[in-house]
């Protein structure tokens, strides 16, 4: 919606029909429907109805941490490459393995089966996580930081940047966020600027719950 508000033409896809309907209704509510070229239910591994080299920029926000099989991740990135124009920019979301390890150590009972060291060590080795507790969020795959750029580059992209979407802000509790908000708007704006300034620091990428890869399609 933010891209549409800024005047970009947008094509949206998602695996879940319900969420595609939510997006389409939101566009109508905000009177942005004319900025959209389609709302599609599609699998990121098979973007069958999208033309080759159609988009100047492509955003893949989710498949890289929901596709647990390597072949599936490869298939999704190949489709991303196919639908993006040469020199087009891509934005791909990842989740950090070290961050989830930290979450498991801090809150083990919330992240079963990572409530024992054997399971945590297995997770560190594989990056795959599936909740033991019924009704919890879908399983996920977490990348090692050092693997992200080489993975994308192996599929024909030039790395432009890798940033922490939540940066060190993901370490703050609700109580701590409230503290800074209560300090006033000026102080809170300074905090947000600090988070943005540190988002690209390679030494702290691992503490961010989500990472954003920014690259350019070669060829």
N, C-alpha and C. Protein backbone atom coordinates (compact mmCIF):
# COMPACT_ATOMS: atom_id res chain seq x y z
N UNK A 1 0.83 -1.20 0.00
CA UNK A 1 0.00 0.00 0.00
C UNK A 1 0.87 1.26 0.00
N UNK A 2 1.98 1.21 0.72
CA UNK A 2 2.87 2.36 0.76
C UNK A 2 3.47 2.64 -0.62
N UNK A 3 3.82 1.60 -1.34
CA UNK A 3 4.37 1.78 -2.68
C UNK A 3 3.31 2.36 -3.61
N UNK A 4 2.09 1.85 -3.49
CA UNK A 4 1.00 2.36 -4.32
C UNK A 4 0.73 3.82 -4.01
N UNK A 5 0.78 4.19 -2.72
CA UNK A 5 0.57 5.58 -2.32
C UNK A 5 1.60 6.51 -2.93
N UNK A 6 2.82 5.96 -3.14
CA UNK A 6 3.90 6.77 -3.71
C UNK A 6 3.85 6.82 -5.24
N UNK A 7 2.85 6.17 -5.83
CA UNK A 7 2.68 6.26 -7.27
C UNK A 7 3.20 5.09 -8.06
N UNK A 8 3.78 4.09 -7.39
CA UNK A 8 4.26 2.91 -8.11
C UNK A 8 3.09 2.04 -8.54
N UNK A 9 3.26 1.36 -9.69
CA UNK A 9 2.31 0.33 -10.09
C UNK A 9 2.74 -0.97 -9.44
N UNK A 10 1.80 -1.67 -8.85
CA UNK A 10 2.11 -2.82 -8.01
C UNK A 10 1.32 -4.05 -8.46
N UNK A 11 2.00 -5.17 -8.50
CA UNK A 11 1.36 -6.47 -8.68
C UNK A 11 1.61 -7.28 -7.42
N UNK A 12 0.56 -7.84 -6.82
CA UNK A 12 0.69 -8.52 -5.54
C UNK A 12 0.37 -10.00 -5.68
N UNK A 13 1.20 -10.84 -5.06
CA UNK A 13 0.91 -12.27 -5.00
C UNK A 13 1.09 -12.76 -3.57
N UNK A 14 0.31 -13.77 -3.21
CA UNK A 14 0.48 -14.43 -1.92
C UNK A 14 -0.08 -15.84 -2.05
N UNK A 15 0.43 -16.73 -1.22
CA UNK A 15 0.01 -18.12 -1.26
C UNK A 15 -1.40 -18.31 -0.69
N UNK A 16 -1.81 -17.41 0.21
CA UNK A 16 -3.05 -17.59 0.96
C UNK A 16 -4.19 -16.76 0.37
N UNK A 17 -5.24 -17.39 -0.14
CA UNK A 17 -6.36 -16.63 -0.73
C UNK A 17 -6.95 -15.59 0.22
N UNK A 18 -7.08 -15.93 1.49
CA UNK A 18 -7.66 -14.99 2.45
C UNK A 18 -6.85 -13.70 2.52
N UNK A 19 -5.52 -13.82 2.51
CA UNK A 19 -4.68 -12.62 2.63
C UNK A 19 -4.67 -11.81 1.34
N UNK A 20 -4.82 -12.47 0.21
CA UNK A 20 -4.95 -11.75 -1.06
C UNK A 20 -6.24 -10.93 -1.04
N UNK A 21 -7.31 -11.50 -0.52
CA UNK A 21 -8.57 -10.77 -0.40
C UNK A 21 -8.44 -9.59 0.55
N UNK A 22 -7.72 -9.79 1.65
CA UNK A 22 -7.48 -8.69 2.60
C UNK A 22 -6.76 -7.54 1.90
N UNK A 23 -5.75 -7.87 1.11
CA UNK A 23 -4.99 -6.84 0.41
C UNK A 23 -5.85 -6.10 -0.60
N UNK A 24 -6.65 -6.86 -1.34
CA UNK A 24 -7.50 -6.23 -2.35
C UNK A 24 -8.52 -5.30 -1.71
N UNK A 25 -9.09 -5.74 -0.59
CA UNK A 25 -10.06 -4.90 0.12
C UNK A 25 -9.39 -3.66 0.71
N UNK A 26 -8.15 -3.82 1.17
CA UNK A 26 -7.43 -2.67 1.72
C UNK A 26 -7.15 -1.64 0.64
N UNK A 27 -6.79 -2.11 -0.54
CA UNK A 27 -6.54 -1.20 -1.65
C UNK A 27 -7.81 -0.41 -1.99
N UNK A 28 -8.96 -1.10 -1.97
CA UNK A 28 -10.22 -0.41 -2.23
C UNK A 28 -10.51 0.62 -1.15
N UNK A 29 -10.30 0.22 0.10
CA UNK A 29 -10.55 1.12 1.23
C UNK A 29 -9.73 2.39 1.13
N UNK A 30 -8.47 2.25 0.68
CA UNK A 30 -7.56 3.39 0.58
C UNK A 30 -7.64 4.07 -0.80
N UNK A 31 -8.55 3.59 -1.62
CA UNK A 31 -8.73 4.13 -2.97
C UNK A 31 -7.44 4.06 -3.79
N UNK A 32 -6.81 2.89 -3.71
CA UNK A 32 -5.55 2.67 -4.42
C UNK A 32 -5.65 1.58 -5.48
N UNK A 33 -6.85 1.06 -5.70
CA UNK A 33 -7.01 -0.08 -6.61
C UNK A 33 -6.43 0.19 -7.99
N UNK A 34 -6.52 1.43 -8.46
CA UNK A 34 -6.03 1.76 -9.80
C UNK A 34 -4.51 1.64 -9.92
N UNK A 35 -3.82 1.60 -8.78
CA UNK A 35 -2.36 1.46 -8.81
C UNK A 35 -1.91 0.00 -8.90
N UNK A 36 -2.86 -0.92 -8.77
CA UNK A 36 -2.52 -2.34 -8.77
C UNK A 36 -2.84 -2.98 -10.12
N UNK A 37 -1.90 -3.79 -10.61
CA UNK A 37 -2.09 -4.53 -11.86
C UNK A 37 -2.55 -5.96 -11.61
N UNK A 38 -2.90 -6.27 -10.38
CA UNK A 38 -3.42 -7.60 -10.10
C UNK A 38 -3.16 -8.04 -8.68
N UNK A 39 -4.09 -8.85 -8.15
CA UNK A 39 -3.95 -9.50 -6.85
C UNK A 39 -4.07 -10.99 -7.11
N UNK A 40 -2.97 -11.73 -6.97
CA UNK A 40 -2.92 -13.12 -7.40
C UNK A 40 -2.65 -14.08 -6.25
N UNK A 41 -3.32 -15.23 -6.29
CA UNK A 41 -2.97 -16.33 -5.40
C UNK A 41 -1.95 -17.19 -6.14
N UNK A 42 -0.70 -17.15 -5.67
CA UNK A 42 0.36 -17.90 -6.35
C UNK A 42 1.40 -18.39 -5.35
N UNK A 43 2.07 -19.43 -5.76
CA UNK A 43 3.18 -20.01 -5.02
C UNK A 43 4.47 -19.35 -5.51
N UNK A 44 5.31 -18.90 -4.60
CA UNK A 44 6.55 -18.21 -4.99
C UNK A 44 7.45 -19.09 -5.84
N UNK A 45 7.29 -20.40 -5.74
CA UNK A 45 8.12 -21.32 -6.54
C UNK A 45 7.64 -21.44 -7.98
N UNK A 46 6.40 -21.00 -8.24
CA UNK A 46 5.82 -21.10 -9.59
C UNK A 46 4.95 -19.88 -9.85
N UNK A 47 5.58 -18.81 -10.26
CA UNK A 47 4.85 -17.57 -10.56
C UNK A 47 4.36 -17.63 -12.01
N UNK A 48 3.55 -18.63 -12.28
CA UNK A 48 3.27 -19.03 -13.66
C UNK A 48 2.61 -17.95 -14.52
N UNK A 49 1.78 -17.13 -13.92
CA UNK A 49 1.05 -16.13 -14.73
C UNK A 49 1.80 -14.81 -14.87
N UNK A 50 2.97 -14.70 -14.26
CA UNK A 50 3.75 -13.46 -14.36
C UNK A 50 4.76 -13.58 -15.49
N UNK A 51 4.85 -12.53 -16.28
CA UNK A 51 5.73 -12.54 -17.44
C UNK A 51 7.20 -12.50 -17.03
N UNK A 52 8.04 -13.04 -17.89
CA UNK A 52 9.49 -12.97 -17.69
C UNK A 52 9.96 -11.54 -17.86
N UNK A 53 10.85 -11.11 -16.99
CA UNK A 53 11.43 -9.76 -17.00
C UNK A 53 10.34 -8.68 -17.01
N UNK A 54 9.36 -8.82 -16.17
CA UNK A 54 8.24 -7.88 -16.15
C UNK A 54 8.48 -6.69 -15.23
N UNK A 55 9.21 -6.88 -14.11
CA UNK A 55 9.24 -5.89 -13.05
C UNK A 55 10.57 -5.18 -12.90
N UNK A 56 10.50 -3.87 -12.70
CA UNK A 56 11.70 -3.08 -12.41
C UNK A 56 12.23 -3.37 -11.01
N UNK A 57 11.35 -3.75 -10.11
CA UNK A 57 11.74 -4.10 -8.75
C UNK A 57 10.81 -5.19 -8.24
N UNK A 58 11.37 -6.10 -7.46
CA UNK A 58 10.58 -7.22 -6.93
C UNK A 58 10.87 -7.38 -5.45
N UNK A 59 9.80 -7.57 -4.68
CA UNK A 59 9.93 -7.77 -3.23
C UNK A 59 9.47 -9.18 -2.89
N UNK A 60 10.33 -9.95 -2.23
CA UNK A 60 9.99 -11.30 -1.77
C UNK A 60 10.06 -11.29 -0.25
N UNK A 61 8.89 -11.17 0.37
CA UNK A 61 8.83 -10.96 1.81
C UNK A 61 8.19 -12.16 2.52
N UNK A 62 8.97 -13.22 2.72
CA UNK A 62 8.44 -14.36 3.44
C UNK A 62 8.92 -15.73 2.99
N UNK A 63 8.94 -16.00 1.67
CA UNK A 63 9.30 -17.35 1.24
C UNK A 63 10.66 -17.86 1.73
N UNK A 64 11.63 -16.97 1.86
CA UNK A 64 12.97 -17.45 2.26
C UNK A 64 13.04 -17.93 3.70
N UNK A 65 12.04 -17.60 4.52
CA UNK A 65 12.04 -18.18 5.87
C UNK A 65 10.85 -19.10 6.11
N UNK A 66 10.01 -19.31 5.08
CA UNK A 66 8.94 -20.30 5.23
C UNK A 66 9.22 -21.57 4.42
N UNK A 67 10.08 -21.48 3.42
CA UNK A 67 10.43 -22.66 2.63
C UNK A 67 11.61 -23.37 3.30
N UNK A 68 11.35 -24.51 3.91
CA UNK A 68 12.38 -25.20 4.68
C UNK A 68 13.28 -26.08 3.82
N UNK A 69 12.81 -26.45 2.64
CA UNK A 69 13.59 -27.31 1.74
C UNK A 69 14.47 -26.45 0.83
N UNK A 70 15.74 -26.82 0.71
CA UNK A 70 16.69 -26.05 -0.10
C UNK A 70 16.23 -25.96 -1.55
N UNK A 71 15.71 -27.04 -2.10
CA UNK A 71 15.26 -27.03 -3.49
C UNK A 71 14.12 -26.04 -3.69
N UNK A 72 13.25 -25.93 -2.69
CA UNK A 72 12.15 -24.97 -2.78
C UNK A 72 12.66 -23.53 -2.73
N UNK A 73 13.63 -23.28 -1.87
CA UNK A 73 14.21 -21.92 -1.80
C UNK A 73 14.88 -21.57 -3.12
N UNK A 74 15.60 -22.52 -3.69
CA UNK A 74 16.25 -22.29 -4.98
C UNK A 74 15.21 -21.99 -6.06
N UNK A 75 14.11 -22.74 -6.05
CA UNK A 75 13.07 -22.54 -7.06
C UNK A 75 12.45 -21.15 -6.95
N UNK A 76 12.22 -20.70 -5.71
CA UNK A 76 11.61 -19.38 -5.51
C UNK A 76 12.54 -18.27 -5.99
N UNK A 77 13.82 -18.38 -5.70
CA UNK A 77 14.77 -17.34 -6.12
C UNK A 77 14.95 -17.35 -7.63
N UNK A 78 14.88 -18.52 -8.25
CA UNK A 78 14.94 -18.58 -9.71
C UNK A 78 13.74 -17.86 -10.34
N UNK A 79 12.58 -18.01 -9.72
CA UNK A 79 11.40 -17.31 -10.22
C UNK A 79 11.54 -15.79 -10.00
N UNK A 80 12.10 -15.42 -8.86
CA UNK A 80 12.36 -14.00 -8.60
C UNK A 80 13.26 -13.42 -9.68
N UNK A 81 14.31 -14.17 -10.02
CA UNK A 81 15.24 -13.74 -11.08
C UNK A 81 14.50 -13.63 -12.42
N UNK A 82 13.67 -14.61 -12.71
CA UNK A 82 12.98 -14.64 -14.01
C UNK A 82 12.06 -13.44 -14.21
N UNK A 83 11.29 -13.08 -13.20
CA UNK A 83 10.28 -12.03 -13.39
C UNK A 83 10.85 -10.62 -13.26
N UNK A 84 12.11 -10.51 -12.82
CA UNK A 84 12.74 -9.19 -12.64
C UNK A 84 13.54 -8.82 -13.88
N UNK A 85 13.44 -7.56 -14.28
CA UNK A 85 14.19 -7.10 -15.44
C UNK A 85 15.68 -7.01 -15.15
N UNK A 86 16.49 -7.04 -16.20
CA UNK A 86 17.93 -6.87 -16.05
C UNK A 86 18.21 -5.53 -15.39
N UNK A 87 19.10 -5.54 -14.41
CA UNK A 87 19.44 -4.38 -13.58
C UNK A 87 18.30 -3.98 -12.64
N UNK A 88 17.24 -4.78 -12.58
CA UNK A 88 16.16 -4.51 -11.63
C UNK A 88 16.62 -4.81 -10.21
N UNK A 89 15.98 -4.15 -9.27
CA UNK A 89 16.36 -4.28 -7.86
C UNK A 89 15.41 -5.25 -7.16
N UNK A 90 15.99 -6.08 -6.30
CA UNK A 90 15.18 -7.02 -5.52
C UNK A 90 15.38 -6.76 -4.03
N UNK A 91 14.31 -6.99 -3.29
CA UNK A 91 14.33 -6.87 -1.83
C UNK A 91 13.82 -8.19 -1.28
N UNK A 92 14.66 -8.90 -0.53
CA UNK A 92 14.32 -10.24 -0.07
C UNK A 92 14.49 -10.32 1.45
N UNK A 93 13.44 -10.78 2.14
CA UNK A 93 13.48 -10.87 3.60
C UNK A 93 14.02 -12.23 4.03
N UNK A 94 14.87 -12.21 5.05
CA UNK A 94 15.43 -13.41 5.65
C UNK A 94 15.26 -13.32 7.17
N UNK A 95 15.41 -14.47 7.84
CA UNK A 95 15.43 -14.47 9.30
C UNK A 95 16.76 -15.05 9.77
N UNK A 96 17.26 -14.50 10.86
CA UNK A 96 18.61 -14.80 11.35
C UNK A 96 18.63 -16.00 12.28
N UNK A 97 19.52 -16.94 11.99
CA UNK A 97 19.64 -18.15 12.81
C UNK A 97 20.16 -17.83 14.21
N UNK A 98 21.10 -16.90 14.30
CA UNK A 98 21.66 -16.58 15.62
C UNK A 98 20.63 -15.87 16.48
N UNK A 99 19.74 -15.06 15.86
CA UNK A 99 18.70 -14.39 16.63
C UNK A 99 17.73 -15.40 17.23
N UNK A 100 17.35 -16.40 16.43
CA UNK A 100 16.41 -17.39 16.95
C UNK A 100 17.08 -18.28 18.00
N UNK A 101 18.37 -18.50 17.85
CA UNK A 101 19.11 -19.22 18.89
C UNK A 101 19.05 -18.44 20.19
N UNK A 102 19.27 -17.14 20.10
CA UNK A 102 19.22 -16.28 21.27
C UNK A 102 17.83 -16.30 21.90
N UNK A 103 16.78 -16.22 21.07
CA UNK A 103 15.41 -16.27 21.57
C UNK A 103 15.14 -17.59 22.29
N UNK A 104 15.66 -18.67 21.74
CA UNK A 104 15.47 -19.98 22.35
C UNK A 104 16.16 -20.07 23.70
N UNK A 105 17.33 -19.49 23.81
CA UNK A 105 18.07 -19.51 25.08
C UNK A 105 17.40 -18.63 26.13
N UNK A 106 16.84 -17.50 25.69
CA UNK A 106 16.20 -16.57 26.62
C UNK A 106 14.81 -17.04 27.06
N UNK A 107 14.08 -17.66 26.12
CA UNK A 107 12.69 -18.05 26.40
C UNK A 107 12.45 -19.49 25.92
N UNK A 108 13.13 -20.45 26.49
CA UNK A 108 13.08 -21.83 25.98
C UNK A 108 11.70 -22.45 25.95
N UNK A 109 10.87 -22.17 26.94
CA UNK A 109 9.55 -22.79 26.98
C UNK A 109 8.61 -22.21 25.93
N UNK A 110 8.94 -21.04 25.41
CA UNK A 110 8.13 -20.43 24.34
C UNK A 110 8.52 -20.96 22.97
N UNK A 111 9.67 -21.63 22.89
CA UNK A 111 10.19 -22.08 21.61
C UNK A 111 10.49 -23.57 21.61
N UNK A 112 9.61 -24.36 22.22
CA UNK A 112 9.76 -25.81 22.18
C UNK A 112 9.73 -26.26 20.71
N UNK A 113 10.58 -27.21 20.30
CA UNK A 113 11.45 -28.07 21.10
C UNK A 113 12.80 -27.48 21.49
N UNK A 114 13.03 -26.20 21.21
CA UNK A 114 14.32 -25.60 21.57
C UNK A 114 14.38 -25.24 23.05
N UNK A 115 13.91 -26.15 23.89
CA UNK A 115 14.01 -25.95 25.34
C UNK A 115 15.01 -26.91 25.95
N UNK A 116 15.89 -27.44 25.10
CA UNK A 116 17.03 -28.26 25.57
C UNK A 116 18.18 -28.07 24.60
N UNK A 117 19.38 -28.29 25.06
CA UNK A 117 20.56 -27.96 24.27
C UNK A 117 20.73 -28.86 23.05
N UNK A 118 20.31 -30.12 23.14
CA UNK A 118 20.43 -30.99 21.97
C UNK A 118 19.61 -30.44 20.80
N UNK A 119 18.39 -29.98 21.09
CA UNK A 119 17.54 -29.43 20.03
C UNK A 119 18.10 -28.12 19.49
N UNK A 120 18.65 -27.31 20.38
CA UNK A 120 19.23 -26.03 19.94
C UNK A 120 20.44 -26.28 19.05
N UNK A 121 21.26 -27.24 19.43
CA UNK A 121 22.44 -27.55 18.61
C UNK A 121 22.03 -28.10 17.25
N UNK A 122 20.95 -28.90 17.21
CA UNK A 122 20.45 -29.40 15.93
C UNK A 122 19.93 -28.25 15.09
N UNK A 123 19.22 -27.32 15.72
CA UNK A 123 18.72 -26.15 15.00
C UNK A 123 19.86 -25.32 14.42
N UNK A 124 20.91 -25.10 15.20
CA UNK A 124 22.06 -24.32 14.72
C UNK A 124 22.67 -24.99 13.49
N UNK A 125 22.69 -26.33 13.48
CA UNK A 125 23.29 -27.06 12.37
C UNK A 125 22.42 -27.04 11.12
N UNK A 126 21.09 -27.04 11.28
CA UNK A 126 20.20 -27.18 10.13
C UNK A 126 19.45 -25.91 9.75
N UNK A 127 19.20 -25.04 10.73
CA UNK A 127 18.40 -23.83 10.47
C UNK A 127 16.91 -24.08 10.42
N UNK A 128 16.47 -25.33 10.55
CA UNK A 128 15.05 -25.65 10.47
C UNK A 128 14.42 -25.67 11.85
N UNK A 129 13.21 -25.10 11.94
CA UNK A 129 12.51 -25.06 13.22
C UNK A 129 11.03 -25.35 13.02
N UNK A 130 10.50 -26.25 13.84
CA UNK A 130 9.07 -26.57 13.85
C UNK A 130 8.57 -26.56 15.29
N UNK A 131 7.53 -25.83 15.56
CA UNK A 131 6.99 -25.74 16.91
C UNK A 131 6.46 -27.09 17.38
N UNK A 132 6.71 -27.39 18.64
CA UNK A 132 6.09 -28.55 19.27
C UNK A 132 4.66 -28.26 19.71
N UNK A 133 4.41 -27.02 20.14
CA UNK A 133 3.11 -26.67 20.68
C UNK A 133 2.09 -26.51 19.56
N UNK A 134 0.96 -27.20 19.70
CA UNK A 134 -0.09 -27.15 18.69
C UNK A 134 -0.67 -25.74 18.57
N UNK A 135 -0.92 -25.35 17.33
CA UNK A 135 -1.52 -24.05 17.10
C UNK A 135 -0.55 -22.90 16.95
N UNK A 136 0.75 -23.19 17.12
CA UNK A 136 1.74 -22.13 16.96
C UNK A 136 1.98 -21.84 15.49
N UNK A 137 2.71 -20.75 15.24
CA UNK A 137 2.99 -20.29 13.89
C UNK A 137 3.73 -21.37 13.09
N UNK A 138 3.60 -21.30 11.77
CA UNK A 138 4.21 -22.28 10.88
C UNK A 138 5.71 -22.44 11.12
N UNK A 139 6.23 -23.59 10.72
CA UNK A 139 7.67 -23.83 10.81
C UNK A 139 8.43 -22.85 9.93
N UNK A 140 9.74 -22.76 10.16
CA UNK A 140 10.52 -21.75 9.44
C UNK A 140 11.94 -22.24 9.19
N UNK A 141 12.63 -21.51 8.33
CA UNK A 141 14.05 -21.74 8.05
C UNK A 141 14.81 -20.46 8.33
N UNK A 142 15.93 -20.58 9.03
CA UNK A 142 16.74 -19.42 9.43
C UNK A 142 18.13 -19.54 8.80
N UNK A 143 18.57 -18.46 8.15
CA UNK A 143 19.87 -18.43 7.49
C UNK A 143 20.97 -17.99 8.45
N UNK A 144 22.17 -18.52 8.24
CA UNK A 144 23.35 -17.91 8.80
C UNK A 144 23.61 -16.62 8.04
N UNK A 145 24.02 -15.57 8.73
CA UNK A 145 24.24 -14.27 8.09
C UNK A 145 25.20 -14.40 6.91
N UNK A 146 26.27 -15.13 7.13
CA UNK A 146 27.32 -15.21 6.11
C UNK A 146 26.88 -15.95 4.85
N UNK A 147 25.75 -16.65 4.92
CA UNK A 147 25.27 -17.42 3.77
C UNK A 147 24.38 -16.62 2.83
N UNK A 148 23.82 -15.51 3.31
CA UNK A 148 22.77 -14.84 2.55
C UNK A 148 23.27 -14.26 1.22
N UNK A 149 24.30 -13.42 1.28
CA UNK A 149 24.78 -12.79 0.04
C UNK A 149 25.31 -13.81 -0.95
N UNK A 150 26.14 -14.79 -0.52
CA UNK A 150 26.59 -15.81 -1.47
C UNK A 150 25.43 -16.60 -2.09
N UNK A 151 24.40 -16.87 -1.30
CA UNK A 151 23.23 -17.58 -1.82
C UNK A 151 22.57 -16.77 -2.94
N UNK A 152 22.34 -15.50 -2.71
CA UNK A 152 21.71 -14.67 -3.72
C UNK A 152 22.61 -14.47 -4.94
N UNK A 153 23.88 -14.29 -4.69
CA UNK A 153 24.83 -14.10 -5.80
C UNK A 153 24.94 -15.34 -6.67
N UNK A 154 24.78 -16.52 -6.08
CA UNK A 154 24.84 -17.76 -6.86
C UNK A 154 23.65 -17.88 -7.81
N UNK A 155 22.62 -17.08 -7.58
CA UNK A 155 21.44 -17.09 -8.45
C UNK A 155 21.39 -15.88 -9.38
N UNK A 156 22.51 -15.17 -9.50
CA UNK A 156 22.59 -14.13 -10.52
C UNK A 156 22.33 -12.71 -10.06
N UNK A 157 22.42 -12.48 -8.75
CA UNK A 157 22.19 -11.13 -8.23
C UNK A 157 23.49 -10.52 -7.70
N UNK A 158 23.59 -9.23 -7.86
CA UNK A 158 24.71 -8.46 -7.28
C UNK A 158 24.24 -7.86 -5.95
N UNK A 159 24.99 -8.09 -4.90
CA UNK A 159 24.60 -7.58 -3.58
C UNK A 159 24.81 -6.08 -3.50
N UNK A 160 23.77 -5.37 -3.10
CA UNK A 160 23.87 -3.93 -2.86
C UNK A 160 23.95 -3.63 -1.37
N UNK A 161 23.19 -4.39 -0.57
CA UNK A 161 23.20 -4.15 0.87
C UNK A 161 22.51 -5.30 1.59
N UNK A 162 22.81 -5.42 2.86
CA UNK A 162 22.11 -6.34 3.75
C UNK A 162 21.89 -5.59 5.05
N UNK A 163 20.63 -5.41 5.43
CA UNK A 163 20.34 -4.59 6.61
C UNK A 163 19.46 -5.36 7.59
N UNK A 164 19.53 -4.96 8.84
CA UNK A 164 18.66 -5.52 9.86
C UNK A 164 17.36 -4.73 9.89
N UNK A 165 16.25 -5.37 9.51
CA UNK A 165 14.97 -4.67 9.44
C UNK A 165 14.54 -4.14 10.80
N UNK A 166 14.81 -4.92 11.84
CA UNK A 166 14.44 -4.49 13.19
C UNK A 166 15.65 -4.05 14.00
N UNK A 167 16.85 -4.35 13.48
CA UNK A 167 18.09 -3.88 14.09
C UNK A 167 18.12 -4.20 15.59
N UNK A 168 18.80 -3.38 16.37
CA UNK A 168 18.88 -3.61 17.81
C UNK A 168 17.55 -3.33 18.50
N UNK A 169 16.60 -2.76 17.76
CA UNK A 169 15.28 -2.51 18.33
C UNK A 169 14.57 -3.79 18.74
N UNK A 170 14.94 -4.92 18.11
CA UNK A 170 14.29 -6.19 18.46
C UNK A 170 14.69 -6.68 19.84
N UNK A 171 15.71 -6.08 20.43
CA UNK A 171 16.15 -6.47 21.77
C UNK A 171 15.36 -5.74 22.86
N UNK A 172 14.61 -4.71 22.49
CA UNK A 172 13.88 -3.93 23.48
C UNK A 172 12.54 -4.57 23.81
N UNK A 173 12.20 -4.62 25.07
CA UNK A 173 10.91 -5.14 25.50
C UNK A 173 9.83 -4.07 25.29
N UNK A 174 8.56 -4.48 25.43
CA UNK A 174 7.47 -3.51 25.35
C UNK A 174 7.62 -2.41 26.39
N UNK A 175 8.06 -2.80 27.58
CA UNK A 175 8.27 -1.83 28.65
C UNK A 175 9.35 -0.83 28.28
N UNK A 176 10.40 -1.31 27.66
CA UNK A 176 11.50 -0.42 27.26
C UNK A 176 11.09 0.51 26.12
N UNK A 177 10.29 -0.02 25.16
CA UNK A 177 9.76 0.84 24.10
C UNK A 177 8.89 1.94 24.70
N UNK A 178 8.06 1.57 25.67
CA UNK A 178 7.18 2.55 26.32
C UNK A 178 7.99 3.63 27.03
N UNK A 179 9.09 3.23 27.64
CA UNK A 179 9.95 4.20 28.33
C UNK A 179 10.41 5.29 27.36
N UNK A 180 10.89 4.88 26.20
CA UNK A 180 11.41 5.87 25.24
C UNK A 180 10.30 6.69 24.61
N UNK A 181 9.14 6.08 24.39
CA UNK A 181 8.01 6.85 23.86
C UNK A 181 7.56 7.91 24.86
N UNK A 182 7.60 7.56 26.12
CA UNK A 182 7.18 8.50 27.17
C UNK A 182 8.17 9.63 27.40
N UNK A 183 9.36 9.50 26.82
CA UNK A 183 10.36 10.58 26.93
C UNK A 183 10.01 11.76 26.02
N UNK A 184 9.06 11.54 25.12
CA UNK A 184 8.66 12.60 24.21
C UNK A 184 9.04 12.30 22.77
N UNK A 185 8.40 12.99 21.83
CA UNK A 185 8.57 12.71 20.42
C UNK A 185 10.00 12.95 19.94
N UNK A 186 10.63 14.03 20.42
CA UNK A 186 11.99 14.35 19.98
C UNK A 186 12.94 13.22 20.35
N UNK A 187 12.84 12.77 21.59
CA UNK A 187 13.72 11.70 22.06
C UNK A 187 13.44 10.39 21.32
N UNK A 188 12.16 10.12 21.10
CA UNK A 188 11.79 8.88 20.41
C UNK A 188 12.27 8.91 18.96
N UNK A 189 12.16 10.06 18.31
CA UNK A 189 12.66 10.19 16.94
C UNK A 189 14.16 9.95 16.88
N UNK A 190 14.89 10.39 17.90
CA UNK A 190 16.33 10.14 17.96
C UNK A 190 16.61 8.65 18.06
N UNK A 191 15.79 7.93 18.84
CA UNK A 191 15.95 6.49 18.95
C UNK A 191 15.75 5.82 17.59
N UNK A 192 14.70 6.22 16.86
CA UNK A 192 14.43 5.63 15.55
C UNK A 192 15.59 5.90 14.60
N UNK A 193 16.14 7.10 14.63
CA UNK A 193 17.28 7.43 13.77
C UNK A 193 18.49 6.57 14.13
N UNK A 194 18.69 6.32 15.42
CA UNK A 194 19.79 5.47 15.85
C UNK A 194 19.61 4.05 15.30
N UNK A 195 18.39 3.53 15.37
CA UNK A 195 18.13 2.19 14.84
C UNK A 195 18.40 2.13 13.34
N UNK A 196 18.02 3.19 12.63
CA UNK A 196 18.26 3.22 11.19
C UNK A 196 19.75 3.31 10.88
N UNK A 197 20.47 4.11 11.67
CA UNK A 197 21.91 4.28 11.45
C UNK A 197 22.68 2.99 11.70
N UNK A 198 22.22 2.20 12.66
CA UNK A 198 22.94 0.97 13.00
C UNK A 198 22.44 -0.25 12.23
N UNK A 199 21.40 -0.08 11.42
CA UNK A 199 20.78 -1.21 10.73
C UNK A 199 21.73 -1.90 9.75
N UNK A 200 22.71 -1.17 9.22
CA UNK A 200 23.63 -1.74 8.25
C UNK A 200 24.94 -2.20 8.86
N UNK A 201 25.09 -2.06 10.18
CA UNK A 201 26.32 -2.46 10.84
C UNK A 201 26.45 -3.99 10.77
N UNK A 202 27.45 -4.51 10.04
CA UNK A 202 27.55 -5.97 9.86
C UNK A 202 27.81 -6.71 11.16
N UNK A 203 28.32 -6.01 12.18
CA UNK A 203 28.64 -6.68 13.43
C UNK A 203 27.42 -6.96 14.29
N UNK A 204 26.29 -6.33 13.98
CA UNK A 204 25.10 -6.55 14.81
C UNK A 204 23.91 -7.07 14.01
N UNK A 205 24.14 -7.49 12.77
CA UNK A 205 23.05 -7.99 11.94
C UNK A 205 22.34 -9.17 12.60
N UNK A 206 23.10 -10.00 13.29
CA UNK A 206 22.55 -11.22 13.85
C UNK A 206 21.49 -11.02 14.91
N UNK A 207 21.46 -9.85 15.54
CA UNK A 207 20.47 -9.63 16.60
C UNK A 207 19.13 -9.18 16.04
N UNK A 208 19.06 -8.89 14.75
CA UNK A 208 17.82 -8.44 14.13
C UNK A 208 16.93 -9.64 13.85
N UNK A 209 15.65 -9.53 14.20
CA UNK A 209 14.74 -10.66 13.97
C UNK A 209 14.52 -10.91 12.48
N UNK A 210 14.52 -9.85 11.68
CA UNK A 210 14.40 -9.97 10.23
C UNK A 210 15.53 -9.20 9.55
N UNK A 211 15.94 -9.71 8.41
CA UNK A 211 16.99 -9.09 7.61
C UNK A 211 16.44 -8.79 6.23
N UNK A 212 16.93 -7.74 5.61
CA UNK A 212 16.51 -7.38 4.26
C UNK A 212 17.71 -7.35 3.34
N UNK A 213 17.71 -8.25 2.37
CA UNK A 213 18.74 -8.28 1.33
C UNK A 213 18.29 -7.37 0.19
N UNK A 214 19.18 -6.51 -0.27
CA UNK A 214 18.90 -5.63 -1.40
C UNK A 214 19.94 -5.95 -2.49
N UNK A 215 19.46 -6.32 -3.65
CA UNK A 215 20.37 -6.71 -4.72
C UNK A 215 19.88 -6.26 -6.07
N UNK A 216 20.73 -6.48 -7.09
CA UNK A 216 20.40 -6.09 -8.45
C UNK A 216 20.60 -7.30 -9.37
N UNK A 217 19.65 -7.51 -10.27
CA UNK A 217 19.75 -8.62 -11.19
C UNK A 217 20.82 -8.35 -12.24
N UNK A 218 21.74 -9.26 -12.36
CA UNK A 218 22.79 -9.14 -13.38
C UNK A 218 22.33 -9.83 -14.67
N UNK A 219 22.90 -9.37 -15.77
CA UNK A 219 22.59 -10.01 -17.04
C UNK A 219 21.31 -9.55 -17.69
